[in-house]
């Protein structure tokens, strides 16, 4: 087994089963450029405010531990940022699949994006920049949905091959997010 994290060891597909990149492909500038924006290309975007995900963001405030980070009007400010996040419909379907197939990963993604905005909103003052950071943080683990389920549900020590799968998830996420959103954070 190759230790090259940029080499795909199996096909990577979108939410509809269409192959984004074939096994054996190297994830690099050329591949990313060739897939950039091909998923849901040209479709309109939906604001997170118009989806059930906004309620999931708000549920972070009710968490016994995390809720302490959001006193007073900070909740409204964070909800304002999250509400403005927008994605193509297929990205929301990806997140819904994450929610149903791996609710712990989904909750982690929601909480991480929400807490990240709370922690940096005093440093980054432009709401547009906060929205981009929220979007990027929310989708940071989308590559984990391409890691085989037995690996993600392993409650024991990982084998070398399982560890390799886990280590590869950021590359898979970069590929999938580039496919849906275009190159770099500008696609958001």
N, C-alpha and C. Protein backbone atom coordinates (compact mmCIF):
# COMPACT_ATOMS: atom_id res chain seq x y z
N UNK A 1 0.83 -1.17 0.00
CA UNK A 1 0.00 0.00 0.00
C UNK A 1 0.89 1.25 0.00
N UNK A 2 0.58 2.14 -0.90
CA UNK A 2 1.35 3.38 -1.01
C UNK A 2 1.04 4.31 0.17
N UNK A 3 2.05 5.02 0.61
CA UNK A 3 1.87 5.99 1.68
C UNK A 3 1.60 7.39 1.13
N UNK A 4 1.44 7.52 -0.19
CA UNK A 4 1.19 8.80 -0.81
C UNK A 4 -0.25 9.23 -0.54
N UNK A 5 -0.42 10.23 0.30
CA UNK A 5 -1.76 10.68 0.67
C UNK A 5 -2.51 11.31 -0.49
N UNK A 6 -1.80 11.75 -1.52
CA UNK A 6 -2.45 12.38 -2.66
C UNK A 6 -2.91 11.40 -3.72
N UNK A 7 -2.55 10.13 -3.57
CA UNK A 7 -2.94 9.12 -4.55
C UNK A 7 -4.24 8.46 -4.09
N UNK A 8 -5.26 8.49 -4.95
CA UNK A 8 -6.54 7.88 -4.59
C UNK A 8 -6.44 6.36 -4.70
N UNK A 9 -6.89 5.68 -3.66
CA UNK A 9 -6.84 4.21 -3.68
C UNK A 9 -8.17 3.61 -4.09
N UNK A 10 -9.19 4.45 -4.19
CA UNK A 10 -10.47 4.02 -4.72
C UNK A 10 -11.15 5.21 -5.37
N UNK A 11 -12.17 4.93 -6.20
CA UNK A 11 -12.91 6.01 -6.84
C UNK A 11 -13.52 6.92 -5.77
N UNK A 12 -13.59 8.21 -6.07
CA UNK A 12 -14.29 9.16 -5.20
C UNK A 12 -15.50 9.65 -5.98
N UNK A 13 -16.68 9.50 -5.35
CA UNK A 13 -17.93 9.85 -6.03
C UNK A 13 -18.63 11.00 -5.31
N UNK A 14 -19.51 11.66 -6.06
CA UNK A 14 -20.32 12.72 -5.45
C UNK A 14 -21.53 12.09 -4.77
N UNK A 15 -22.41 12.90 -4.26
CA UNK A 15 -23.58 12.43 -3.52
C UNK A 15 -24.51 11.58 -4.37
N UNK A 16 -24.47 11.77 -5.69
CA UNK A 16 -25.33 11.02 -6.60
C UNK A 16 -24.65 9.78 -7.18
N UNK A 17 -23.42 9.51 -6.75
CA UNK A 17 -22.70 8.34 -7.24
C UNK A 17 -21.87 8.58 -8.48
N UNK A 18 -21.84 9.80 -8.98
CA UNK A 18 -21.01 10.11 -10.15
C UNK A 18 -19.55 10.18 -9.70
N UNK A 19 -18.68 9.53 -10.46
CA UNK A 19 -17.26 9.50 -10.11
C UNK A 19 -16.65 10.88 -10.35
N UNK A 20 -16.07 11.42 -9.28
CA UNK A 20 -15.36 12.70 -9.35
C UNK A 20 -13.94 12.45 -9.85
N UNK A 21 -13.31 11.43 -9.28
CA UNK A 21 -11.95 11.06 -9.67
C UNK A 21 -11.78 9.57 -9.46
N UNK A 22 -11.06 8.93 -10.37
CA UNK A 22 -10.89 7.47 -10.35
C UNK A 22 -9.72 7.06 -9.46
N UNK A 23 -9.83 5.84 -8.97
CA UNK A 23 -8.72 5.26 -8.21
C UNK A 23 -7.46 5.35 -9.06
N UNK A 24 -6.34 5.65 -8.40
CA UNK A 24 -5.08 5.78 -9.09
C UNK A 24 -4.76 7.20 -9.50
N UNK A 25 -5.76 8.09 -9.40
CA UNK A 25 -5.52 9.50 -9.73
C UNK A 25 -4.71 10.16 -8.62
N UNK A 26 -3.86 11.09 -9.01
CA UNK A 26 -3.11 11.88 -8.04
C UNK A 26 -3.86 13.19 -7.82
N UNK A 27 -4.17 13.49 -6.58
CA UNK A 27 -4.86 14.74 -6.27
C UNK A 27 -3.82 15.85 -6.24
N UNK A 28 -3.87 16.67 -7.23
CA UNK A 28 -2.94 17.79 -7.37
C UNK A 28 -3.62 18.90 -8.15
N UNK A 29 -2.84 19.88 -8.52
CA UNK A 29 -3.38 21.06 -9.20
C UNK A 29 -4.16 20.70 -10.46
N UNK A 30 -3.63 19.79 -11.28
CA UNK A 30 -4.30 19.44 -12.53
C UNK A 30 -5.65 18.78 -12.29
N UNK A 31 -5.70 17.82 -11.38
CA UNK A 31 -6.96 17.14 -11.10
C UNK A 31 -7.96 18.13 -10.49
N UNK A 32 -7.51 18.91 -9.52
CA UNK A 32 -8.42 19.87 -8.89
C UNK A 32 -8.96 20.87 -9.91
N UNK A 33 -8.11 21.34 -10.82
CA UNK A 33 -8.58 22.26 -11.86
C UNK A 33 -9.60 21.60 -12.77
N UNK A 34 -9.41 20.32 -13.05
CA UNK A 34 -10.33 19.63 -13.97
C UNK A 34 -11.69 19.34 -13.34
N UNK A 35 -11.77 19.25 -12.02
CA UNK A 35 -13.05 18.95 -11.38
C UNK A 35 -13.70 20.18 -10.76
N UNK A 36 -12.98 21.29 -10.70
CA UNK A 36 -13.46 22.48 -9.99
C UNK A 36 -14.81 22.94 -10.50
N UNK A 37 -15.76 22.97 -9.60
CA UNK A 37 -17.09 23.49 -9.92
C UNK A 37 -17.95 22.60 -10.78
N UNK A 38 -17.55 21.36 -11.05
CA UNK A 38 -18.34 20.48 -11.92
C UNK A 38 -19.59 19.95 -11.22
N UNK A 39 -19.59 19.86 -9.91
CA UNK A 39 -20.75 19.37 -9.18
C UNK A 39 -21.73 20.49 -8.96
N UNK A 40 -22.94 20.33 -9.45
CA UNK A 40 -23.97 21.36 -9.33
C UNK A 40 -23.55 22.66 -9.99
N UNK A 41 -22.71 22.55 -11.01
CA UNK A 41 -22.22 23.75 -11.69
C UNK A 41 -23.38 24.58 -12.22
N UNK A 42 -23.33 25.85 -11.94
CA UNK A 42 -24.33 26.76 -12.47
C UNK A 42 -25.65 26.78 -11.71
N UNK A 43 -25.80 25.95 -10.69
CA UNK A 43 -27.05 25.98 -9.96
C UNK A 43 -27.01 27.08 -8.92
N UNK A 44 -28.18 27.48 -8.51
CA UNK A 44 -28.24 28.53 -7.49
C UNK A 44 -27.85 27.93 -6.13
N UNK A 45 -27.54 28.81 -5.23
CA UNK A 45 -27.15 28.40 -3.88
C UNK A 45 -28.31 28.67 -2.93
N UNK A 46 -28.33 27.89 -1.88
CA UNK A 46 -29.32 28.05 -0.82
C UNK A 46 -28.62 28.54 0.43
N UNK A 47 -29.23 29.49 1.12
CA UNK A 47 -28.67 29.94 2.39
C UNK A 47 -28.97 28.92 3.47
N UNK A 48 -28.03 28.77 4.36
CA UNK A 48 -28.19 27.85 5.48
C UNK A 48 -29.43 28.23 6.30
N UNK A 49 -29.78 29.51 6.32
CA UNK A 49 -30.96 29.97 7.06
C UNK A 49 -32.24 29.32 6.55
N UNK A 50 -32.23 28.88 5.31
CA UNK A 50 -33.41 28.27 4.71
C UNK A 50 -33.41 26.75 4.79
N UNK A 51 -32.60 26.21 5.68
CA UNK A 51 -32.50 24.76 5.85
C UNK A 51 -32.63 24.40 7.33
N UNK A 52 -32.88 23.14 7.61
CA UNK A 52 -32.92 22.70 9.02
C UNK A 52 -31.57 22.81 9.73
N UNK A 53 -30.49 22.98 8.98
CA UNK A 53 -29.17 23.07 9.60
C UNK A 53 -29.05 24.28 10.53
N UNK A 54 -29.81 25.34 10.27
CA UNK A 54 -29.72 26.50 11.15
C UNK A 54 -30.14 26.12 12.57
N UNK A 55 -31.15 25.28 12.69
CA UNK A 55 -31.56 24.80 14.01
C UNK A 55 -30.46 24.00 14.68
N UNK A 56 -29.69 23.26 13.88
CA UNK A 56 -28.58 22.49 14.44
C UNK A 56 -27.48 23.41 14.95
N UNK A 57 -27.26 24.53 14.24
CA UNK A 57 -26.30 25.52 14.73
C UNK A 57 -26.79 26.08 16.06
N UNK A 58 -28.05 26.43 16.12
CA UNK A 58 -28.61 26.99 17.35
C UNK A 58 -28.59 26.00 18.50
N UNK A 59 -28.64 24.72 18.19
CA UNK A 59 -28.60 23.71 19.26
C UNK A 59 -27.25 23.68 19.98
N UNK A 60 -26.21 24.20 19.34
CA UNK A 60 -24.90 24.28 19.99
C UNK A 60 -25.00 25.16 21.24
N UNK A 61 -25.85 26.19 21.18
CA UNK A 61 -26.02 27.09 22.32
C UNK A 61 -26.60 26.37 23.53
N UNK A 62 -27.35 25.29 23.28
CA UNK A 62 -27.99 24.55 24.37
C UNK A 62 -27.09 23.50 25.00
N UNK A 63 -25.95 23.25 24.37
CA UNK A 63 -25.01 22.27 24.91
C UNK A 63 -24.50 22.76 26.27
N UNK A 64 -24.50 21.88 27.25
CA UNK A 64 -24.14 22.25 28.61
C UNK A 64 -22.73 22.85 28.71
N UNK A 65 -21.82 22.40 27.86
CA UNK A 65 -20.45 22.90 27.90
C UNK A 65 -20.22 24.03 26.90
N UNK A 66 -20.65 23.84 25.67
CA UNK A 66 -20.39 24.83 24.63
C UNK A 66 -21.23 26.09 24.79
N UNK A 67 -22.43 25.95 25.35
CA UNK A 67 -23.33 27.08 25.50
C UNK A 67 -22.72 28.23 26.29
N UNK A 68 -21.78 27.92 27.17
CA UNK A 68 -21.14 28.95 27.97
C UNK A 68 -20.31 29.93 27.13
N UNK A 69 -19.95 29.51 25.93
CA UNK A 69 -19.16 30.38 25.04
C UNK A 69 -20.00 31.46 24.35
N UNK A 70 -21.32 31.37 24.51
CA UNK A 70 -22.22 32.24 23.74
C UNK A 70 -23.14 33.06 24.63
N UNK A 71 -22.59 33.96 25.43
CA UNK A 71 -23.45 34.78 26.28
C UNK A 71 -24.15 35.88 25.47
N UNK A 72 -25.31 36.27 25.94
CA UNK A 72 -26.02 37.44 25.41
C UNK A 72 -26.17 37.50 23.91
N UNK A 73 -25.79 38.66 23.35
CA UNK A 73 -26.02 38.92 21.94
C UNK A 73 -25.07 38.17 21.01
N UNK A 74 -24.11 37.45 21.55
CA UNK A 74 -23.20 36.68 20.70
C UNK A 74 -23.94 35.59 19.93
N UNK A 75 -24.96 35.04 20.52
CA UNK A 75 -25.75 34.01 19.84
C UNK A 75 -26.35 34.57 18.55
N UNK A 76 -26.94 35.74 18.65
CA UNK A 76 -27.55 36.36 17.48
C UNK A 76 -26.50 36.67 16.41
N UNK A 77 -25.34 37.12 16.82
CA UNK A 77 -24.27 37.42 15.87
C UNK A 77 -23.79 36.16 15.16
N UNK A 78 -23.64 35.07 15.90
CA UNK A 78 -23.20 33.81 15.29
C UNK A 78 -24.28 33.28 14.35
N UNK A 79 -25.53 33.34 14.76
CA UNK A 79 -26.62 32.89 13.89
C UNK A 79 -26.66 33.74 12.61
N UNK A 80 -26.40 35.03 12.71
CA UNK A 80 -26.37 35.90 11.54
C UNK A 80 -25.30 35.43 10.56
N UNK A 81 -24.12 35.09 11.06
CA UNK A 81 -23.05 34.61 10.19
C UNK A 81 -23.45 33.27 9.56
N UNK A 82 -23.89 32.32 10.38
CA UNK A 82 -24.26 31.00 9.87
C UNK A 82 -25.40 31.09 8.86
N UNK A 83 -26.35 31.97 9.11
CA UNK A 83 -27.51 32.13 8.22
C UNK A 83 -27.10 32.54 6.82
N UNK A 84 -26.01 33.28 6.72
CA UNK A 84 -25.56 33.79 5.42
C UNK A 84 -24.72 32.80 4.63
N UNK A 85 -24.31 31.71 5.28
CA UNK A 85 -23.57 30.68 4.54
C UNK A 85 -24.47 30.12 3.45
N UNK A 86 -23.91 29.90 2.28
CA UNK A 86 -24.71 29.36 1.18
C UNK A 86 -23.91 28.34 0.40
N UNK A 87 -24.62 27.33 -0.06
CA UNK A 87 -24.01 26.24 -0.80
C UNK A 87 -24.95 25.77 -1.90
N UNK A 88 -24.41 25.08 -2.92
CA UNK A 88 -25.28 24.40 -3.88
C UNK A 88 -26.08 23.32 -3.13
N UNK A 89 -27.22 22.98 -3.66
CA UNK A 89 -28.11 22.00 -3.03
C UNK A 89 -27.40 20.68 -2.75
N UNK A 90 -26.51 20.25 -3.63
CA UNK A 90 -25.82 18.96 -3.44
C UNK A 90 -24.97 18.96 -2.17
N UNK A 91 -24.42 20.11 -1.79
CA UNK A 91 -23.62 20.17 -0.57
C UNK A 91 -24.52 19.95 0.64
N UNK A 92 -25.71 20.52 0.63
CA UNK A 92 -26.65 20.27 1.73
C UNK A 92 -27.07 18.80 1.77
N UNK A 93 -27.18 18.18 0.59
CA UNK A 93 -27.48 16.74 0.58
C UNK A 93 -26.32 15.93 1.15
N UNK A 94 -25.09 16.37 0.87
CA UNK A 94 -23.90 15.73 1.46
C UNK A 94 -23.97 15.82 2.99
N UNK A 95 -24.30 17.01 3.48
CA UNK A 95 -24.37 17.20 4.93
C UNK A 95 -25.52 16.40 5.54
N UNK A 96 -26.64 16.30 4.83
CA UNK A 96 -27.76 15.49 5.34
C UNK A 96 -27.38 14.01 5.39
N UNK A 97 -26.60 13.55 4.40
CA UNK A 97 -26.12 12.17 4.43
C UNK A 97 -25.18 11.98 5.62
N UNK A 98 -24.33 12.97 5.86
CA UNK A 98 -23.45 12.90 7.02
C UNK A 98 -24.28 12.83 8.30
N UNK A 99 -25.33 13.62 8.34
CA UNK A 99 -26.20 13.64 9.53
C UNK A 99 -26.84 12.28 9.78
N UNK A 100 -27.30 11.62 8.71
CA UNK A 100 -27.97 10.33 8.89
C UNK A 100 -26.99 9.18 9.06
N UNK A 101 -25.88 9.20 8.33
CA UNK A 101 -24.93 8.08 8.37
C UNK A 101 -23.93 8.18 9.52
N UNK A 102 -23.58 9.39 9.90
CA UNK A 102 -22.57 9.58 10.94
C UNK A 102 -22.92 10.81 11.77
N UNK A 103 -23.94 10.68 12.63
CA UNK A 103 -24.41 11.84 13.39
C UNK A 103 -23.35 12.47 14.30
N UNK A 104 -22.40 11.68 14.75
CA UNK A 104 -21.34 12.24 15.60
C UNK A 104 -20.45 13.17 14.77
N UNK A 105 -20.07 12.74 13.57
CA UNK A 105 -19.28 13.58 12.69
C UNK A 105 -20.05 14.85 12.30
N UNK A 106 -21.34 14.69 12.02
CA UNK A 106 -22.17 15.84 11.67
C UNK A 106 -22.22 16.85 12.82
N UNK A 107 -22.49 16.37 14.03
CA UNK A 107 -22.53 17.25 15.20
C UNK A 107 -21.19 17.93 15.43
N UNK A 108 -20.11 17.18 15.21
CA UNK A 108 -18.76 17.74 15.33
C UNK A 108 -18.57 18.87 14.32
N UNK A 109 -19.01 18.66 13.08
CA UNK A 109 -18.86 19.69 12.04
C UNK A 109 -19.65 20.95 12.38
N UNK A 110 -20.88 20.77 12.84
CA UNK A 110 -21.71 21.91 13.21
C UNK A 110 -21.08 22.66 14.39
N UNK A 111 -20.70 21.92 15.43
CA UNK A 111 -20.13 22.55 16.63
C UNK A 111 -18.81 23.24 16.32
N UNK A 112 -17.96 22.59 15.52
CA UNK A 112 -16.66 23.18 15.19
C UNK A 112 -16.84 24.50 14.43
N UNK A 113 -17.73 24.51 13.45
CA UNK A 113 -17.96 25.73 12.66
C UNK A 113 -18.54 26.84 13.55
N UNK A 114 -19.47 26.48 14.42
CA UNK A 114 -20.12 27.47 15.28
C UNK A 114 -19.14 28.05 16.30
N UNK A 115 -18.38 27.18 16.94
CA UNK A 115 -17.41 27.63 17.94
C UNK A 115 -16.28 28.42 17.28
N UNK A 116 -15.85 28.01 16.11
CA UNK A 116 -14.80 28.74 15.39
C UNK A 116 -15.22 30.18 15.15
N UNK A 117 -16.44 30.37 14.68
CA UNK A 117 -16.92 31.73 14.43
C UNK A 117 -16.95 32.53 15.73
N UNK A 118 -17.42 31.91 16.79
CA UNK A 118 -17.46 32.60 18.08
C UNK A 118 -16.06 33.04 18.52
N UNK A 119 -15.08 32.17 18.34
CA UNK A 119 -13.75 32.47 18.82
C UNK A 119 -13.01 33.52 17.99
N UNK A 120 -13.33 33.60 16.71
CA UNK A 120 -12.59 34.55 15.87
C UNK A 120 -13.36 35.81 15.52
N UNK A 121 -14.62 35.90 15.91
CA UNK A 121 -15.41 37.05 15.48
C UNK A 121 -14.91 38.37 16.07
N UNK A 122 -14.14 38.31 17.12
CA UNK A 122 -13.58 39.54 17.66
C UNK A 122 -12.29 39.94 16.95
N UNK A 123 -11.70 39.01 16.21
CA UNK A 123 -10.48 39.28 15.46
C UNK A 123 -10.82 39.66 14.02
N UNK A 124 -11.72 38.89 13.41
CA UNK A 124 -12.15 39.13 12.04
C UNK A 124 -13.48 39.87 12.11
N UNK A 125 -13.52 41.08 11.62
CA UNK A 125 -14.72 41.89 11.80
C UNK A 125 -15.63 41.93 10.58
N UNK A 126 -15.11 41.60 9.41
CA UNK A 126 -15.95 41.63 8.21
C UNK A 126 -16.81 40.37 8.19
N UNK A 127 -18.13 40.57 8.17
CA UNK A 127 -19.07 39.45 8.19
C UNK A 127 -18.85 38.53 6.99
N UNK A 128 -18.53 39.09 5.84
CA UNK A 128 -18.30 38.27 4.64
C UNK A 128 -17.15 37.29 4.86
N UNK A 129 -16.11 37.75 5.53
CA UNK A 129 -14.98 36.86 5.83
C UNK A 129 -15.37 35.80 6.84
N UNK A 130 -16.16 36.17 7.83
CA UNK A 130 -16.63 35.20 8.83
C UNK A 130 -17.50 34.13 8.16
N UNK A 131 -18.33 34.54 7.21
CA UNK A 131 -19.18 33.57 6.51
C UNK A 131 -18.31 32.56 5.76
N UNK A 132 -17.28 33.04 5.07
CA UNK A 132 -16.37 32.13 4.35
C UNK A 132 -15.67 31.17 5.31
N UNK A 133 -15.25 31.67 6.46
CA UNK A 133 -14.58 30.82 7.45
C UNK A 133 -15.57 29.80 8.01
N UNK A 134 -16.80 30.22 8.28
CA UNK A 134 -17.82 29.29 8.75
C UNK A 134 -18.04 28.18 7.73
N UNK A 135 -18.20 28.56 6.47
CA UNK A 135 -18.44 27.57 5.41
C UNK A 135 -17.28 26.58 5.31
N UNK A 136 -16.07 27.09 5.31
CA UNK A 136 -14.89 26.22 5.19
C UNK A 136 -14.79 25.29 6.40
N UNK A 137 -15.05 25.80 7.58
CA UNK A 137 -14.95 24.98 8.78
C UNK A 137 -16.06 23.93 8.80
N UNK A 138 -17.25 24.30 8.36
CA UNK A 138 -18.36 23.36 8.34
C UNK A 138 -18.07 22.17 7.44
N UNK A 139 -17.41 22.41 6.32
CA UNK A 139 -17.16 21.35 5.34
C UNK A 139 -15.79 20.70 5.48
N UNK A 140 -15.06 21.03 6.53
CA UNK A 140 -13.68 20.55 6.66
C UNK A 140 -13.58 19.03 6.75
N UNK A 141 -14.59 18.35 7.25
CA UNK A 141 -14.53 16.90 7.40
C UNK A 141 -15.38 16.15 6.39
N UNK A 142 -15.78 16.79 5.31
CA UNK A 142 -16.61 16.11 4.32
C UNK A 142 -15.87 14.92 3.70
N UNK A 143 -14.55 14.97 3.71
CA UNK A 143 -13.76 13.84 3.22
C UNK A 143 -13.90 12.59 4.09
N UNK A 144 -14.25 12.77 5.35
CA UNK A 144 -14.46 11.61 6.24
C UNK A 144 -15.61 10.74 5.76
N UNK A 145 -16.55 11.33 5.02
CA UNK A 145 -17.66 10.54 4.49
C UNK A 145 -17.20 9.62 3.37
N UNK A 146 -15.99 9.78 2.88
CA UNK A 146 -15.44 8.91 1.84
C UNK A 146 -14.51 7.86 2.45
N UNK A 147 -14.30 7.88 3.75
CA UNK A 147 -13.51 6.87 4.45
C UNK A 147 -14.45 5.69 4.73
N UNK A 148 -14.03 4.46 4.46
CA UNK A 148 -14.92 3.32 4.67
C UNK A 148 -15.50 3.29 6.09
N UNK A 149 -16.80 3.01 6.18
CA UNK A 149 -17.50 2.98 7.46
C UNK A 149 -16.83 2.11 8.51
N UNK A 150 -16.35 0.91 8.16
CA UNK A 150 -15.69 0.11 9.21
C UNK A 150 -14.49 0.82 9.85
N UNK A 151 -13.85 1.69 9.09
CA UNK A 151 -12.71 2.43 9.63
C UNK A 151 -13.19 3.51 10.59
N UNK A 152 -14.23 4.24 10.19
CA UNK A 152 -14.72 5.33 11.04
C UNK A 152 -15.44 4.83 12.28
N UNK A 153 -15.89 3.59 12.25
CA UNK A 153 -16.62 3.05 13.40
C UNK A 153 -15.75 2.11 14.25
N UNK A 154 -14.48 2.05 13.93
CA UNK A 154 -13.55 1.19 14.66
C UNK A 154 -13.34 1.74 16.08
N UNK A 155 -13.64 0.93 17.08
CA UNK A 155 -13.47 1.36 18.47
C UNK A 155 -12.20 0.80 19.08
N UNK A 156 -11.37 0.21 18.25
CA UNK A 156 -10.14 -0.42 18.72
C UNK A 156 -8.97 0.30 18.05
N UNK A 157 -7.80 -0.22 18.20
CA UNK A 157 -6.63 0.35 17.53
C UNK A 157 -6.78 0.21 16.03
N UNK A 158 -6.34 1.23 15.32
CA UNK A 158 -6.40 1.20 13.86
C UNK A 158 -5.25 0.39 13.30
N UNK A 159 -5.53 -0.36 12.23
CA UNK A 159 -4.45 -1.00 11.49
C UNK A 159 -3.73 0.08 10.69
N UNK A 160 -2.61 -0.27 10.12
CA UNK A 160 -1.86 0.69 9.31
C UNK A 160 -2.72 1.17 8.13
N UNK A 161 -3.44 0.25 7.51
CA UNK A 161 -4.30 0.61 6.38
C UNK A 161 -5.44 1.52 6.83
N UNK A 162 -6.07 1.25 7.97
CA UNK A 162 -7.14 2.10 8.48
C UNK A 162 -6.62 3.49 8.82
N UNK A 163 -5.45 3.54 9.43
CA UNK A 163 -4.83 4.82 9.77
C UNK A 163 -4.58 5.63 8.50
N UNK A 164 -4.12 4.96 7.45
CA UNK A 164 -3.88 5.61 6.17
C UNK A 164 -5.17 6.21 5.61
N UNK A 165 -6.30 5.47 5.74
CA UNK A 165 -7.60 5.98 5.29
C UNK A 165 -7.97 7.26 6.04
N UNK A 166 -7.80 7.26 7.34
CA UNK A 166 -8.13 8.43 8.15
C UNK A 166 -7.25 9.62 7.76
N UNK A 167 -5.95 9.36 7.59
CA UNK A 167 -5.02 10.44 7.23
C UNK A 167 -5.36 11.05 5.87
N UNK A 168 -6.00 10.31 5.01
CA UNK A 168 -6.31 10.76 3.66
C UNK A 168 -7.55 11.67 3.61
N UNK A 169 -8.35 11.73 4.67
CA UNK A 169 -9.62 12.45 4.57
C UNK A 169 -9.50 13.93 4.21
N UNK A 170 -8.46 14.66 4.62
CA UNK A 170 -8.38 16.06 4.17
C UNK A 170 -8.20 16.19 2.65
N UNK A 171 -7.46 15.28 2.06
CA UNK A 171 -7.26 15.30 0.61
C UNK A 171 -8.57 14.98 -0.10
N UNK A 172 -9.30 14.00 0.43
CA UNK A 172 -10.60 13.66 -0.15
C UNK A 172 -11.56 14.83 -0.01
N UNK A 173 -11.53 15.49 1.14
CA UNK A 173 -12.38 16.66 1.34
C UNK A 173 -12.05 17.79 0.39
N UNK A 174 -10.76 18.02 0.17
CA UNK A 174 -10.34 19.05 -0.78
C UNK A 174 -10.88 18.73 -2.17
N UNK A 175 -10.79 17.49 -2.57
CA UNK A 175 -11.28 17.06 -3.89
C UNK A 175 -12.79 17.27 -3.99
N UNK A 176 -13.55 16.79 -3.02
CA UNK A 176 -15.01 16.90 -3.06
C UNK A 176 -15.45 18.36 -2.99
N UNK A 177 -14.86 19.13 -2.09
CA UNK A 177 -15.25 20.53 -1.97
C UNK A 177 -14.89 21.32 -3.22
N UNK A 178 -13.76 21.03 -3.84
CA UNK A 178 -13.39 21.69 -5.08
C UNK A 178 -14.38 21.35 -6.18
N UNK A 179 -14.80 20.09 -6.22
CA UNK A 179 -15.78 19.63 -7.21
C UNK A 179 -17.08 20.44 -7.10
N UNK A 180 -17.55 20.63 -5.89
CA UNK A 180 -18.80 21.34 -5.70
C UNK A 180 -18.67 22.85 -5.75
N UNK A 181 -17.58 23.37 -5.21
CA UNK A 181 -17.51 24.80 -4.96
C UNK A 181 -16.54 25.57 -5.83
N UNK A 182 -15.68 24.89 -6.56
CA UNK A 182 -14.68 25.57 -7.36
C UNK A 182 -13.36 25.57 -6.64
N UNK A 183 -12.38 26.22 -7.19
CA UNK A 183 -11.03 26.21 -6.62
C UNK A 183 -10.94 27.10 -5.38
N UNK A 184 -10.36 26.57 -4.34
CA UNK A 184 -10.07 27.34 -3.13
C UNK A 184 -11.30 27.87 -2.44
N UNK A 185 -11.07 28.67 -1.45
CA UNK A 185 -12.15 29.24 -0.67
C UNK A 185 -12.99 30.22 -1.51
N UNK A 186 -12.41 30.70 -2.62
CA UNK A 186 -13.16 31.60 -3.49
C UNK A 186 -14.41 30.94 -4.02
N UNK A 187 -14.40 29.60 -4.10
CA UNK A 187 -15.59 28.87 -4.56
C UNK A 187 -16.73 28.94 -3.58
N UNK A 188 -16.44 29.39 -2.38
CA UNK A 188 -17.49 29.46 -1.38
C UNK A 188 -18.22 30.77 -1.53
